[in-house]
Amino acid sequence: MTATLATRTDADIDGIMNGLGRAAKATADMLAHAPTDAKDRALREAATAIRAQAAAILKANGEDLASARARGLSDALLDRLELNAARIEAMAKGLEDIAALRDPVGDVIAEWERPNGLRISRVRTPLGVIGIIYESRPNVTADAGGLCLKAGNAAILRGGSEAVRSNHAIHACLIAGLKAAGLPEETIQLVPTQDRAAVGRMLKMAGTIDVIVPRGGKSLVERVQKEASVPVFAHLEGICHLYVDRSADLAMARALALNAKMRRTGICGAMETLLVDRAVISTHLTPILDDLIAAGCEVRGDAECRAVDSRLAPASESDWDTEYLAAILAVKAVDGVGGAIDHIAHHGSGHTDSIIAEDGAAVARFLGEVNSAIVMHNASTQFADGGEFGMGAEIGISTGKMHARGPVGVEQLTSFKYVVRGHGQARP
């Protein structure tokens, strides 16, 4: 199962990857026209298989966790890797939710008629072959495979070595679903080697893979963006901000700050910097910190915040640019909503930023001027998730500004074509 192919040559790796690519390309051509009923049945049958194989998945995951601990993986990575009964059920439910979504393929996005009688429509089409490179999180195997299938795409999945057993166990359930629905097994392929050369080869498969989605740490995403000759949907970091405005309800601010940071510290939607309007720093900061510190959060602050609450450790300039993915938070006083917007513009990663406020003018300015993939009002940044957006699941959060932005779900895994209908028009 975990064959590393360490003794194989670059030619061997090329052969493996080229074989996966040819199979995916041929399958994608068929999937573009696959009936919705068949795709939905495959998703539901895969969900059934995941539930039926829960014990086997947990056993495989336990072996992965033991190996990861022996290798000294961080607590954040271990949290991403770990599966339990609730997370397995969430995977199965996610596949069922994807099945319940409207099939995007063939949707008419817009249509209009020209003065010469030509009728033009913009129609959704699959992207083709999606390559997903991911670390730690075995649930991505189910989420990515399911979303690609629903959108009529073939998927090539390359998970991290730390989750290899879990990924294989989950992938087997997806294959069971495809078989039950009469769809090709090559619809969702798992790269059968952990050799890093396979990633390098995958990044150069232009003409076979239509888009790459990296989901992992900064070093992985940087490598993909640097080396890929294939278009990439990606985000480097989730440096997410929560801004507490002078008009914020204190009880709400306390609850949302605690949730945004501490619900799960290792996810990309976790708050990393808390910004507090200096007009309310004397009344709002300490109660918010009481909750965070009681929950085990280390808090670092600027001089102005430390003057109000001595429990804060000094923040360095690098703290404003750090994605901790741990129970560590940076806190800064800002000059109202304008100061918050300016700080986010200089230090944010374009992922998710939220304002806690009751002043409509402040809210409108924040939502209008913060140019992140996701901007929120009176809500925890931890809602930055495709499932929470009603997308069933997501492959990742894209912070780019082309095509897909924010949670990448079924619609983001489609492109479009123009269909032009005439009745004999010739251009003069």
Protein backbone atom coordinates (compact mmCIF):
# COMPACT_ATOMS: atom_id res chain seq x y z
CA MET A 1 0.00 0.00 0.00
CA THR A 2 2.75 2.43 0.93
CA ALA A 3 5.19 1.48 -1.82
CA THR A 4 7.61 4.34 -2.09
CA LEU A 5 9.12 3.31 -5.41
CA ALA A 6 12.40 4.66 -4.02
CA THR A 7 14.43 2.39 -6.28
CA ARG A 8 12.61 3.43 -9.43
CA THR A 9 14.03 5.82 -11.97
CA ASP A 10 12.67 9.10 -13.27
CA ALA A 11 11.56 7.17 -16.35
CA ASP A 12 9.52 4.87 -14.12
CA ILE A 13 7.84 7.85 -12.46
CA ASP A 14 7.17 9.42 -15.86
CA GLY A 15 5.58 6.19 -17.00
CA ILE A 16 3.33 5.99 -13.97
CA MET A 17 2.22 9.61 -14.21
CA ASN A 18 1.74 9.51 -17.97
CA GLY A 19 -0.43 6.43 -17.54
CA LEU A 20 -2.57 8.17 -14.95
CA GLY A 21 -2.82 11.21 -17.20
CA ARG A 22 -3.90 9.26 -20.30
CA ALA A 23 -6.55 7.38 -18.33
CA ALA A 24 -7.84 10.58 -16.75
CA LYS A 25 -7.99 12.42 -20.06
CA ALA A 26 -9.98 9.64 -21.73
CA THR A 27 -12.32 9.40 -18.76
CA ALA A 28 -12.85 13.17 -18.59
CA ASP A 29 -14.10 13.18 -22.17
CA MET A 30 -16.77 10.67 -21.16
CA LEU A 31 -17.61 12.31 -17.83
CA ALA A 32 -18.39 15.60 -19.54
CA HIS A 33 -21.55 13.92 -20.83
CA ALA A 34 -22.23 11.52 -17.94
CA PRO A 35 -25.84 11.48 -16.70
CA THR A 36 -26.47 13.34 -13.47
CA ASP A 37 -28.18 10.26 -12.01
CA ALA A 38 -25.05 8.15 -12.49
CA LYS A 39 -22.79 10.74 -10.86
CA ASP A 40 -25.17 11.17 -7.93
CA ARG A 41 -25.51 7.42 -7.42
CA ALA A 42 -21.72 7.06 -7.33
CA LEU A 43 -21.54 9.75 -4.65
CA ARG A 44 -24.28 8.20 -2.52
CA GLU A 45 -22.83 4.70 -2.84
CA ALA A 46 -19.41 6.05 -1.84
CA ALA A 47 -20.98 7.62 1.25
CA THR A 48 -22.54 4.27 2.12
CA ALA A 49 -19.18 2.55 1.68
CA ILE A 50 -17.43 5.09 3.94
CA ARG A 51 -19.92 4.41 6.71
CA ALA A 52 -19.63 0.64 6.21
CA GLN A 53 -15.83 0.80 6.24
CA ALA A 54 -15.54 3.25 9.16
CA ALA A 55 -13.66 0.74 11.34
CA ALA A 56 -11.14 0.01 8.58
CA ILE A 57 -10.66 3.73 7.90
CA LEU A 58 -10.09 4.43 11.59
CA LYS A 59 -7.58 1.56 11.81
CA ALA A 60 -5.65 2.92 8.84
CA ASN A 61 -5.79 6.42 10.29
CA GLY A 62 -4.52 5.17 13.65
CA GLU A 63 -1.48 3.70 11.90
CA ASP A 64 -0.89 7.00 10.10
CA LEU A 65 -1.16 8.92 13.36
CA ALA A 66 1.31 6.63 15.12
CA SER A 67 3.79 7.07 12.30
CA ALA A 68 3.25 10.84 12.23
CA ARG A 69 3.85 11.16 15.98
CA ALA A 70 7.05 9.14 15.63
CA ARG A 71 8.17 11.55 12.92
CA GLY A 72 7.51 14.51 15.22
CA LEU A 73 4.70 16.18 13.24
CA SER A 74 3.27 19.33 14.84
CA ASP A 75 0.03 19.35 16.80
CA ALA A 76 -1.60 21.35 14.01
CA LEU A 77 -0.71 18.70 11.42
CA LEU A 78 -1.79 15.89 13.73
CA ASP A 79 -5.16 17.60 14.19
CA ARG A 80 -5.58 17.82 10.43
CA LEU A 81 -4.60 14.18 10.03
CA GLU A 82 -6.76 12.69 12.75
CA LEU A 83 -10.09 11.08 11.91
CA ASN A 84 -12.80 10.08 14.36
CA ALA A 85 -16.38 8.87 14.08
CA ALA A 86 -17.73 12.40 13.67
CA ARG A 87 -15.24 13.31 10.96
CA ILE A 88 -15.92 10.10 9.05
CA GLU A 89 -19.64 10.80 9.19
CA ALA A 90 -18.95 14.34 8.00
CA MET A 91 -17.11 12.90 4.97
CA ALA A 92 -20.03 10.64 4.12
CA LYS A 93 -22.56 13.42 4.66
CA GLY A 94 -20.45 15.73 2.51
CA LEU A 95 -20.66 13.30 -0.42
CA GLU A 96 -24.42 13.08 0.01
CA ASP A 97 -24.64 16.87 0.13
CA ILE A 98 -22.67 17.09 -3.12
CA ALA A 99 -25.04 14.58 -4.70
CA ALA A 100 -27.98 16.77 -3.67
CA LEU A 101 -26.53 19.83 -5.38
CA ARG A 102 -27.73 20.93 -8.77
CA ASP A 103 -25.55 19.52 -11.55
CA PRO A 104 -23.67 22.55 -12.90
CA VAL A 105 -22.79 20.98 -16.26
CA GLY A 106 -24.97 22.45 -18.99
CA ASP A 107 -26.31 25.30 -16.86
CA VAL A 108 -26.99 28.44 -18.87
CA ILE A 109 -25.17 31.22 -17.03
CA ALA A 110 -26.44 34.00 -19.28
CA GLU A 111 -28.18 34.39 -22.63
CA TRP A 112 -29.08 37.28 -24.89
CA GLU A 113 -30.11 38.08 -28.46
CA ARG A 114 -28.27 40.39 -30.83
CA PRO A 115 -30.01 42.87 -33.16
CA ASN A 116 -29.15 40.61 -36.10
CA GLY A 117 -31.10 37.75 -34.55
CA LEU A 118 -28.17 35.69 -33.22
CA ARG A 119 -29.01 34.08 -29.90
CA ILE A 120 -25.96 33.68 -27.65
CA SER A 121 -25.73 31.72 -24.40
CA ARG A 122 -22.90 31.07 -21.95
CA VAL A 123 -23.04 27.43 -20.81
CA ARG A 124 -21.12 25.68 -18.02
CA THR A 125 -18.72 22.91 -19.05
CA PRO A 126 -16.30 20.75 -17.00
CA LEU A 127 -12.68 21.84 -16.74
CA GLY A 128 -11.48 18.34 -17.65
CA VAL A 129 -8.76 16.78 -15.48
CA ILE A 130 -8.13 18.22 -12.01
CA GLY A 131 -4.91 17.47 -10.14
CA ILE A 132 -5.09 17.83 -6.36
CA ILE A 133 -1.91 17.82 -4.26
CA TYR A 134 -2.61 17.85 -0.55
CA GLU A 135 -1.08 17.22 2.85
CA SER A 136 -2.32 15.72 6.09
CA ARG A 137 -6.09 15.95 5.68
CA PRO A 138 -7.46 12.58 4.50
CA ASN A 139 -10.96 14.03 4.20
CA VAL A 140 -9.71 15.89 1.11
CA THR A 141 -9.64 12.52 -0.67
CA ALA A 142 -13.42 12.28 -0.37
CA ASP A 143 -14.18 15.98 -0.78
CA ALA A 144 -11.98 16.49 -3.83
CA GLY A 145 -12.98 13.27 -5.52
CA GLY A 146 -16.67 13.94 -4.96
CA LEU A 147 -16.60 17.55 -6.14
CA CYS A 148 -14.63 16.73 -9.28
CA LEU A 149 -17.04 13.93 -10.14
CA LYS A 150 -20.14 16.09 -9.67
CA ALA A 151 -18.67 18.77 -11.95
CA GLY A 152 -17.93 16.17 -14.64
CA ASN A 153 -14.16 16.16 -14.16
CA ALA A 154 -11.64 13.37 -13.74
CA ALA A 155 -9.38 13.70 -10.68
CA ILE A 156 -5.78 12.74 -10.00
CA LEU A 157 -5.17 12.86 -6.25
CA ARG A 158 -1.73 13.02 -4.66
CA GLY A 159 -1.99 12.92 -0.87
CA GLY A 160 0.82 13.34 1.62
CA SER A 161 2.91 10.46 2.92
CA GLU A 162 1.66 11.09 6.47
CA ALA A 163 -1.90 10.10 5.45
CA VAL A 164 -1.14 7.38 2.90
CA ARG A 165 -3.04 4.56 4.66
CA SER A 166 -6.07 6.73 5.40
CA ASN A 167 -6.18 8.03 1.83
CA HIS A 168 -6.08 4.52 0.37
CA ALA A 169 -8.91 3.38 2.65
CA ILE A 170 -11.12 6.34 1.68
CA HIS A 171 -10.22 6.07 -2.01
CA ALA A 172 -11.34 2.43 -1.99
CA CYS A 173 -14.80 3.63 -0.92
CA LEU A 174 -14.92 6.13 -3.78
CA ILE A 175 -14.02 3.36 -6.23
CA ALA A 176 -16.80 1.21 -4.78
CA GLY A 177 -19.24 4.04 -5.47
CA LEU A 178 -18.03 4.44 -9.06
CA LYS A 179 -18.36 0.70 -9.71
CA ALA A 180 -21.87 0.62 -8.30
CA ALA A 181 -22.90 3.45 -10.62
CA GLY A 182 -21.24 1.96 -13.70
CA LEU A 183 -18.68 4.75 -14.00
CA PRO A 184 -14.97 4.17 -14.78
CA GLU A 185 -12.63 3.62 -11.86
CA GLU A 186 -10.24 6.04 -13.57
CA THR A 187 -12.65 8.86 -12.71
CA ILE A 188 -10.81 9.31 -9.38
CA GLN A 189 -7.21 8.09 -9.36
CA LEU A 190 -4.82 8.11 -6.43
CA VAL A 191 -1.14 8.50 -7.30
CA PRO A 192 0.34 5.15 -6.18
CA THR A 193 3.72 6.47 -5.02
CA GLN A 194 4.96 8.87 -2.37
CA ASP A 195 8.10 9.67 -4.38
CA ARG A 196 8.41 13.48 -4.51
CA ALA A 197 9.35 13.20 -8.17
CA ALA A 198 5.71 12.35 -8.87
CA VAL A 199 4.69 15.83 -7.69
CA GLY A 200 7.25 17.47 -9.95
CA ARG A 201 6.02 15.44 -12.90
CA MET A 202 2.41 16.28 -12.10
CA LEU A 203 3.17 20.00 -12.17
CA LYS A 204 4.43 19.70 -15.74
CA MET A 205 1.51 17.75 -17.19
CA ALA A 206 0.11 20.63 -19.22
CA GLY A 207 -2.13 19.29 -21.94
CA THR A 208 -3.23 16.43 -19.67
CA ILE A 209 -4.06 18.13 -16.37
CA ASP A 210 -6.19 21.25 -16.81
CA VAL A 211 -5.76 22.76 -13.35
CA ILE A 212 -3.77 21.98 -10.17
CA VAL A 213 -5.20 22.59 -6.70
CA PRO A 214 -2.58 22.50 -3.91
CA ARG A 215 -3.90 22.16 -0.39
CA GLY A 216 -1.27 22.20 2.30
CA GLY A 217 1.44 24.24 3.93
CA LYS A 218 3.15 27.33 2.60
CA SER A 219 6.17 25.42 1.26
CA LEU A 220 3.98 23.09 -0.80
CA VAL A 221 1.92 25.91 -2.28
CA GLU A 222 5.01 27.99 -3.04
CA ARG A 223 6.57 25.04 -4.85
CA VAL A 224 3.44 24.42 -6.90
CA GLN A 225 3.09 28.07 -7.88
CA LYS A 226 6.78 28.29 -8.79
CA GLU A 227 7.09 25.07 -10.78
CA ALA A 228 3.68 24.43 -12.33
CA SER A 229 3.16 24.82 -16.05
CA VAL A 230 -0.52 24.09 -15.37
CA PRO A 231 -2.98 26.74 -14.08
CA VAL A 232 -3.21 26.76 -10.27
CA PHE A 233 -6.03 27.48 -7.78
CA ALA A 234 -4.27 28.21 -4.49
CA HIS A 235 -3.71 30.24 -1.39
CA LEU A 236 -0.36 30.56 0.36
CA GLU A 237 -1.60 31.40 3.86
CA GLY A 238 -4.71 32.09 5.86
CA ILE A 239 -3.75 35.21 7.80
CA CYS A 240 -7.31 35.96 8.86
CA HIS A 241 -8.38 39.03 10.85
CA LEU A 242 -11.26 39.80 13.19
CA TYR A 243 -11.82 43.54 13.68
CA VAL A 244 -13.78 44.72 16.72
CA ASP A 245 -15.28 48.11 15.90
CA ARG A 246 -16.25 50.77 18.45
CA SER A 247 -19.90 49.91 17.71
CA ALA A 248 -19.43 46.17 18.38
CA ASP A 249 -21.64 44.35 20.85
CA LEU A 250 -19.17 43.20 23.51
CA ALA A 251 -20.86 39.88 24.22
CA MET A 252 -20.88 39.06 20.52
CA ALA A 253 -17.27 40.14 20.13
CA ARG A 254 -16.20 37.86 22.99
CA ALA A 255 -18.04 34.84 21.61
CA LEU A 256 -16.86 35.31 18.04
CA ALA A 257 -13.23 36.03 18.92
CA LEU A 258 -13.08 32.86 21.01
CA ASN A 259 -14.67 30.77 18.26
CA ALA A 260 -12.65 32.31 15.43
CA LYS A 261 -9.38 31.49 17.19
CA MET A 262 -9.94 28.42 19.34
CA ARG A 263 -12.63 26.26 17.69
CA ARG A 264 -9.90 24.67 15.56
CA THR A 265 -6.58 26.48 15.53
CA GLY A 266 -5.04 24.45 12.71
CA ILE A 267 -7.41 25.37 9.88
CA CYS A 268 -6.82 28.12 7.33
CA GLY A 269 -9.94 30.02 8.46
CA ALA A 270 -8.70 30.43 12.04
CA MET A 271 -8.22 34.03 13.15
CA GLU A 272 -4.53 34.91 13.47
CA THR A 273 -4.78 38.65 14.25
CA LEU A 274 -7.35 40.47 16.37
CA LEU A 275 -7.75 44.17 15.60
CA VAL A 276 -9.47 46.34 18.20
CA ASP A 277 -10.70 49.90 17.65
CA ARG A 278 -8.64 52.02 20.04
CA ALA A 279 -11.85 53.88 20.96
CA VAL A 280 -13.01 50.78 22.90
CA ILE A 281 -9.71 49.17 23.79
CA SER A 282 -10.15 50.07 27.48
CA THR A 283 -13.59 48.40 27.68
CA HIS A 284 -13.46 45.53 25.16
CA LEU A 285 -9.91 44.19 25.11
CA THR A 286 -9.59 42.63 28.57
CA PRO A 287 -12.94 40.74 28.51
CA ILE A 288 -12.07 39.28 25.10
CA LEU A 289 -8.62 38.28 26.35
CA ASP A 290 -10.09 36.71 29.49
CA ASP A 291 -11.90 34.14 27.33
CA LEU A 292 -8.97 33.46 25.02
CA ILE A 293 -6.39 33.08 27.77
CA ALA A 294 -8.72 30.85 29.79
CA ALA A 295 -9.00 28.61 26.72
CA GLY A 296 -5.21 28.26 26.57
CA CYS A 297 -4.35 30.86 23.94
CA GLU A 298 -1.02 32.67 24.03
CA VAL A 299 -1.61 36.32 23.14
CA ARG A 300 0.95 38.79 21.79
CA GLY A 301 0.13 42.48 21.59
CA ASP A 302 1.43 45.85 20.48
CA ALA A 303 2.53 48.43 23.06
CA GLU A 304 -0.90 50.06 23.19
CA CYS A 305 -2.67 46.78 23.96
CA ARG A 306 -0.02 45.75 26.52
CA ALA A 307 -0.53 49.04 28.32
CA VAL A 308 -4.17 48.01 28.85
CA ASP A 309 -3.53 44.34 29.71
CA SER A 310 -0.17 43.25 31.12
CA ARG A 311 -0.79 39.56 30.35
CA LEU A 312 0.14 40.13 26.70
CA ALA A 313 3.60 39.20 25.50
CA PRO A 314 5.26 41.75 23.20
CA ALA A 315 4.40 41.32 19.53
CA SER A 316 7.15 41.68 16.94
CA GLU A 317 6.64 43.07 13.45
CA SER A 318 6.71 39.52 12.06
CA ASP A 319 3.66 38.55 14.14
CA TRP A 320 1.40 40.58 11.85
CA ASP A 321 2.50 38.40 8.92
CA THR A 322 2.37 35.00 10.62
CA GLU A 323 -0.10 32.16 10.14
CA TYR A 324 0.34 30.39 13.48
CA LEU A 325 -2.04 27.45 12.98
CA ALA A 326 -1.75 27.11 16.75
CA ALA A 327 -3.16 28.62 19.95
CA ILE A 328 -1.24 31.86 19.43
CA LEU A 329 -2.84 35.20 18.57
CA ALA A 330 -1.54 38.66 17.69
CA VAL A 331 -3.55 41.68 18.92
CA LYS A 332 -3.27 45.26 17.69
CA ALA A 333 -5.07 48.54 18.35
CA VAL A 334 -6.17 50.41 15.22
CA ASP A 335 -7.69 53.77 14.47
CA GLY A 336 -11.24 52.74 13.63
CA VAL A 337 -12.43 50.92 10.54
CA GLY A 338 -9.98 52.83 8.35
CA GLY A 339 -7.07 51.62 10.45
CA ALA A 340 -8.34 48.05 10.27
CA ILE A 341 -8.67 48.21 6.48
CA ASP A 342 -5.17 49.63 6.17
CA HIS A 343 -3.65 46.93 8.40
CA ILE A 344 -5.38 44.15 6.46
CA ALA A 345 -4.25 45.63 3.15
CA HIS A 346 -0.62 45.55 4.29
CA HIS A 347 -0.57 42.28 6.26
CA GLY A 348 -3.52 40.14 5.14
CA SER A 349 -3.27 37.16 2.81
CA GLY A 350 -6.55 37.78 0.99
CA HIS A 351 -8.26 34.82 2.65
CA THR A 352 -10.95 35.78 5.20
CA ASP A 353 -11.52 38.92 7.27
CA SER A 354 -14.45 39.80 9.52
CA ILE A 355 -15.83 42.92 11.21
CA ILE A 356 -17.83 42.91 14.44
CA ALA A 357 -19.93 46.08 14.37
CA GLU A 358 -23.43 47.54 14.60
CA ASP A 359 -22.63 50.76 12.72
CA GLY A 360 -23.95 50.32 9.19
CA ALA A 361 -21.52 52.82 7.69
CA ALA A 362 -18.50 51.05 9.20
CA VAL A 363 -19.78 47.69 8.02
CA ALA A 364 -20.41 48.94 4.48
CA ARG A 365 -16.93 50.44 4.29
CA PHE A 366 -15.23 47.29 5.58
CA LEU A 367 -17.13 44.94 3.26
CA GLY A 368 -16.58 47.25 0.32
CA GLU A 369 -12.89 48.05 0.80
CA VAL A 370 -11.37 44.84 2.17
CA ASN A 371 -10.38 42.93 -0.96
CA SER A 372 -10.19 39.41 0.43
CA ALA A 373 -11.76 36.29 -1.04
CA ILE A 374 -14.19 36.22 1.89
CA VAL A 375 -15.33 39.22 3.94
CA MET A 376 -17.72 38.80 6.86
CA HIS A 377 -19.89 40.82 9.22
CA ASN A 378 -20.71 39.64 12.75
CA ALA A 379 -19.57 36.09 12.00
CA SER A 380 -16.63 33.87 12.92
CA THR A 381 -13.88 33.46 10.34
CA GLN A 382 -14.17 29.70 10.90
CA PHE A 383 -17.20 29.74 8.58
CA ALA A 384 -14.72 30.07 5.68
CA ASP A 385 -15.58 26.61 4.41
CA GLY A 386 -17.36 25.29 1.34
CA GLY A 387 -19.61 23.02 3.38
CA GLU A 388 -20.71 25.96 5.52
CA PHE A 389 -21.38 27.93 2.33
CA GLY A 390 -23.81 25.26 1.15
CA MET A 391 -21.40 23.88 -1.46
CA GLY A 392 -21.43 20.39 0.02
CA ALA A 393 -17.65 20.52 0.44
CA GLU A 394 -14.64 22.26 -1.03
CA ILE A 395 -11.29 21.37 -2.53
CA GLY A 396 -9.74 24.45 -0.94
CA ILE A 397 -9.95 28.21 -0.59
CA SER A 398 -8.57 30.16 -3.53
CA THR A 399 -7.23 33.65 -2.83
CA GLY A 400 -6.46 34.37 -6.48
CA LYS A 401 -8.48 36.85 -8.49
CA MET A 402 -9.04 34.82 -11.64
CA HIS A 403 -12.00 32.47 -12.15
CA ALA A 404 -12.29 30.60 -8.84
CA ARG A 405 -12.09 32.68 -5.66
CA GLY A 406 -12.99 31.67 -2.12
CA PRO A 407 -14.23 28.11 -1.52
CA VAL A 408 -13.64 25.95 -4.60
CA GLY A 409 -16.78 23.88 -5.10
CA VAL A 410 -18.57 22.32 -8.05
CA GLU A 411 -19.27 25.58 -9.89
CA GLN A 412 -15.66 26.69 -9.54
CA LEU A 413 -14.58 23.39 -11.12
CA THR A 414 -16.34 24.29 -14.34
CA SER A 415 -15.53 26.62 -17.20
CA PHE A 416 -17.97 27.70 -19.91
CA LYS A 417 -18.45 27.87 -23.63
CA TYR A 418 -20.51 30.18 -25.81
CA VAL A 419 -23.31 28.62 -27.81
CA VAL A 420 -24.45 30.77 -30.75
CA ARG A 421 -27.68 29.99 -32.61
CA GLY A 422 -28.51 31.64 -35.87
CA HIS A 423 -30.83 31.23 -38.86
CA GLY A 424 -28.50 31.87 -41.74
CA GLN A 425 -26.74 35.08 -40.65
CA ALA A 426 -23.57 36.00 -42.57
CA ARG A 427 -21.36 38.78 -41.20
CA PRO A 428 -21.39 41.83 -43.50
